Every structure is written in structure tokens, then in C-alpha cells.
N, C-alpha and C. Protein backbone atom coordinates (compact mmCIF):
# COMPACT_ATOMS: atom_id res chain seq x y z
N MET A 1 0.84 -1.18 0.00
CA MET A 1 0.00 0.00 0.00
C MET A 1 0.89 1.24 0.00
N ILE A 2 0.48 2.23 -0.75
CA ILE A 2 1.24 3.48 -0.87
C ILE A 2 0.36 4.63 -0.38
N GLU A 3 0.94 5.48 0.44
CA GLU A 3 0.24 6.65 0.94
C GLU A 3 1.03 7.89 0.55
N VAL A 4 0.37 8.85 -0.07
CA VAL A 4 0.99 10.12 -0.43
C VAL A 4 0.36 11.19 0.46
N VAL A 5 1.20 11.85 1.26
CA VAL A 5 0.73 12.86 2.19
C VAL A 5 1.22 14.22 1.70
N ILE A 6 0.28 15.12 1.47
CA ILE A 6 0.60 16.46 0.98
C ILE A 6 0.30 17.47 2.08
N ASN A 7 1.33 18.21 2.48
CA ASN A 7 1.14 19.28 3.46
C ASN A 7 0.73 20.52 2.67
N SER A 8 -0.54 20.77 2.61
CA SER A 8 -1.07 21.85 1.77
C SER A 8 -0.56 23.22 2.20
N GLU A 9 -0.27 23.41 3.46
CA GLU A 9 0.19 24.71 3.93
C GLU A 9 1.64 25.01 3.55
N TRP A 10 2.41 24.01 3.24
CA TRP A 10 3.79 24.23 2.80
C TRP A 10 3.86 24.47 1.30
N CYS A 11 2.85 24.05 0.57
CA CYS A 11 2.85 24.11 -0.89
C CYS A 11 2.71 25.55 -1.39
N LYS A 12 3.46 25.87 -2.46
CA LYS A 12 3.32 27.18 -3.09
C LYS A 12 2.68 27.08 -4.48
N GLY A 13 2.18 25.90 -4.82
CA GLY A 13 1.42 25.72 -6.05
C GLY A 13 2.21 25.73 -7.33
N CYS A 14 3.47 25.33 -7.30
CA CYS A 14 4.31 25.37 -8.50
C CYS A 14 3.88 24.33 -9.54
N GLY A 15 3.31 23.21 -9.09
CA GLY A 15 2.82 22.19 -10.01
C GLY A 15 3.86 21.22 -10.54
N LEU A 16 5.09 21.28 -10.04
CA LEU A 16 6.12 20.35 -10.52
C LEU A 16 5.72 18.90 -10.27
N CYS A 17 5.13 18.64 -9.12
CA CYS A 17 4.73 17.27 -8.78
C CYS A 17 3.70 16.74 -9.77
N VAL A 18 2.76 17.58 -10.16
CA VAL A 18 1.71 17.19 -11.10
C VAL A 18 2.32 16.94 -12.48
N HIS A 19 3.16 17.84 -12.90
CA HIS A 19 3.74 17.75 -14.24
C HIS A 19 4.62 16.52 -14.43
N PHE A 20 5.38 16.16 -13.40
CA PHE A 20 6.35 15.08 -13.56
C PHE A 20 5.89 13.72 -13.04
N CYS A 21 4.67 13.61 -12.54
CA CYS A 21 4.18 12.31 -12.09
C CYS A 21 4.00 11.40 -13.30
N PRO A 22 4.73 10.29 -13.37
CA PRO A 22 4.67 9.43 -14.56
C PRO A 22 3.34 8.71 -14.72
N LYS A 23 2.54 8.64 -13.68
CA LYS A 23 1.27 7.91 -13.72
C LYS A 23 0.06 8.83 -13.64
N ASP A 24 0.27 10.15 -13.66
CA ASP A 24 -0.82 11.13 -13.56
C ASP A 24 -1.70 10.90 -12.32
N CYS A 25 -1.06 10.70 -11.19
CA CYS A 25 -1.78 10.45 -9.94
C CYS A 25 -2.12 11.72 -9.18
N LEU A 26 -1.51 12.83 -9.55
CA LEU A 26 -1.75 14.10 -8.88
C LEU A 26 -2.39 15.09 -9.83
N SER A 27 -3.20 15.97 -9.27
CA SER A 27 -3.77 17.07 -10.05
C SER A 27 -3.87 18.28 -9.13
N MET A 28 -3.89 19.45 -9.72
CA MET A 28 -4.01 20.66 -8.91
C MET A 28 -5.47 20.78 -8.46
N GLY A 29 -5.64 20.96 -7.17
CA GLY A 29 -6.97 21.08 -6.61
C GLY A 29 -7.54 22.49 -6.78
N SER A 30 -8.79 22.64 -6.42
CA SER A 30 -9.45 23.93 -6.54
C SER A 30 -9.41 24.73 -5.25
N GLU A 31 -9.08 24.08 -4.14
CA GLU A 31 -9.00 24.79 -2.87
C GLU A 31 -7.65 25.49 -2.75
N ILE A 32 -7.59 26.50 -1.89
CA ILE A 32 -6.35 27.25 -1.69
C ILE A 32 -5.93 27.17 -0.23
N ASN A 33 -4.62 27.30 0.00
CA ASN A 33 -4.10 27.28 1.37
C ASN A 33 -4.12 28.69 1.96
N ALA A 34 -3.61 28.83 3.16
CA ALA A 34 -3.62 30.12 3.85
C ALA A 34 -2.79 31.18 3.15
N LYS A 35 -1.83 30.75 2.33
CA LYS A 35 -0.99 31.70 1.59
C LYS A 35 -1.62 32.12 0.26
N GLY A 36 -2.73 31.50 -0.10
CA GLY A 36 -3.42 31.84 -1.34
C GLY A 36 -3.05 30.99 -2.54
N TYR A 37 -2.37 29.88 -2.32
CA TYR A 37 -1.94 29.00 -3.41
C TYR A 37 -2.85 27.77 -3.50
N SER A 38 -3.14 27.36 -4.72
CA SER A 38 -3.80 26.07 -4.88
C SER A 38 -2.74 24.99 -4.71
N TYR A 39 -3.15 23.83 -4.30
CA TYR A 39 -2.20 22.75 -4.01
C TYR A 39 -2.69 21.45 -4.65
N PRO A 40 -1.79 20.52 -4.85
CA PRO A 40 -2.16 19.27 -5.52
C PRO A 40 -2.96 18.35 -4.61
N VAL A 41 -3.72 17.50 -5.27
CA VAL A 41 -4.45 16.45 -4.56
C VAL A 41 -4.07 15.11 -5.19
N PHE A 42 -4.03 14.11 -4.37
CA PHE A 42 -3.70 12.76 -4.80
C PHE A 42 -5.01 12.05 -5.10
N GLY A 43 -5.18 11.61 -6.36
CA GLY A 43 -6.47 11.07 -6.70
C GLY A 43 -6.48 9.76 -7.45
N ASN A 44 -5.35 9.19 -7.73
CA ASN A 44 -5.32 7.97 -8.52
C ASN A 44 -4.50 6.91 -7.79
N GLU A 45 -5.01 6.47 -6.66
CA GLU A 45 -4.26 5.55 -5.80
C GLU A 45 -3.92 4.24 -6.49
N GLU A 46 -4.80 3.76 -7.35
CA GLU A 46 -4.59 2.47 -8.00
C GLU A 46 -3.39 2.49 -8.95
N GLU A 47 -3.13 3.62 -9.57
CA GLU A 47 -2.04 3.72 -10.54
C GLU A 47 -0.69 4.05 -9.92
N CYS A 48 -0.68 4.64 -8.74
CA CYS A 48 0.57 5.08 -8.11
C CYS A 48 1.47 3.88 -7.81
N ASN A 49 2.72 3.99 -8.24
CA ASN A 49 3.67 2.91 -7.99
C ASN A 49 4.69 3.29 -6.91
N GLY A 50 4.51 4.44 -6.28
CA GLY A 50 5.39 4.86 -5.20
C GLY A 50 6.78 5.27 -5.65
N CYS A 51 6.90 5.80 -6.84
CA CYS A 51 8.22 6.15 -7.40
C CYS A 51 8.90 7.30 -6.65
N THR A 52 8.17 8.08 -5.91
CA THR A 52 8.62 9.22 -5.10
C THR A 52 9.06 10.43 -5.91
N ALA A 53 8.78 10.45 -7.22
CA ALA A 53 9.16 11.60 -8.05
C ALA A 53 8.54 12.89 -7.52
N CYS A 54 7.29 12.83 -7.13
CA CYS A 54 6.60 14.03 -6.65
C CYS A 54 7.30 14.61 -5.41
N GLY A 55 7.64 13.76 -4.47
CA GLY A 55 8.30 14.21 -3.26
C GLY A 55 9.71 14.72 -3.50
N LYS A 56 10.43 14.06 -4.40
CA LYS A 56 11.80 14.48 -4.70
C LYS A 56 11.84 15.81 -5.44
N LEU A 57 10.84 16.09 -6.27
CA LEU A 57 10.83 17.32 -7.06
C LEU A 57 10.23 18.51 -6.32
N CYS A 58 9.54 18.26 -5.22
CA CYS A 58 8.88 19.36 -4.50
C CYS A 58 9.91 20.26 -3.85
N PRO A 59 10.01 21.53 -4.27
CA PRO A 59 11.01 22.43 -3.69
C PRO A 59 10.69 22.83 -2.25
N ASP A 60 9.45 22.59 -1.83
CA ASP A 60 9.04 22.97 -0.48
C ASP A 60 8.94 21.79 0.48
N LEU A 61 9.32 20.61 0.02
CA LEU A 61 9.25 19.39 0.83
C LEU A 61 7.86 19.15 1.39
N ALA A 62 6.85 19.47 0.60
CA ALA A 62 5.46 19.37 1.05
C ALA A 62 4.84 18.00 0.80
N ILE A 63 5.57 17.09 0.17
CA ILE A 63 5.02 15.78 -0.17
C ILE A 63 5.88 14.68 0.43
N ASN A 64 5.23 13.76 1.12
CA ASN A 64 5.90 12.58 1.67
C ASN A 64 5.20 11.34 1.15
N ILE A 65 5.98 10.33 0.81
CA ILE A 65 5.44 9.08 0.29
C ILE A 65 5.81 7.97 1.26
N TYR A 66 4.81 7.18 1.63
CA TYR A 66 5.01 6.07 2.53
C TYR A 66 4.59 4.79 1.84
N ARG A 67 5.42 3.78 1.96
CA ARG A 67 5.11 2.47 1.41
C ARG A 67 4.92 1.49 2.56
N TYR A 68 3.78 0.81 2.56
CA TYR A 68 3.48 -0.16 3.60
C TYR A 68 3.43 -1.54 3.00
N LYS A 69 3.97 -2.49 3.71
CA LYS A 69 3.90 -3.87 3.25
C LYS A 69 2.55 -4.45 3.61
N ASP A 70 1.99 -5.22 2.70
CA ASP A 70 0.76 -5.94 2.99
C ASP A 70 1.11 -7.12 3.88
N ILE A 71 0.35 -7.28 4.93
CA ILE A 71 0.62 -8.38 5.87
C ILE A 71 -0.42 -9.46 5.71
């Protein structure tokens, strides 16, 4: 199981995570954070392979990816 956690308050809405996701699992949401930026939402859990590209490319370190083993 893969969990993608987005800290919306750290995000500045650059969209790098959305652009470079190889599986199109992220999209820019319509809500805005306290700074006035829209932030990405994770919406395609079935396709995500946990590659961590989104987290590695985020200049604000607003995305964390967790991989859990099925027991």
C-alpha cells in the first residue's frame, strides 16, 4: 500500500509534482491554502507505484510518500 501525504500549507502551487508524475496520480486542486496558493491532490491511488518523483521534485518538501507492506 502506498500513501501520499501532501502538506497543503507548505505548498506554493508550482505544479512540478503534477507535471512530472509518470502515472498522472496528482492534479491541482481547486482549494487554496492560507498563503493563497492552490495545491495538488492525490487522486489515482490504483495507478501510483510509489516512485517518489513528486516528493523528490517538490522544492518545499510538502510531499511525503510512505510504502506499507501488505501483511
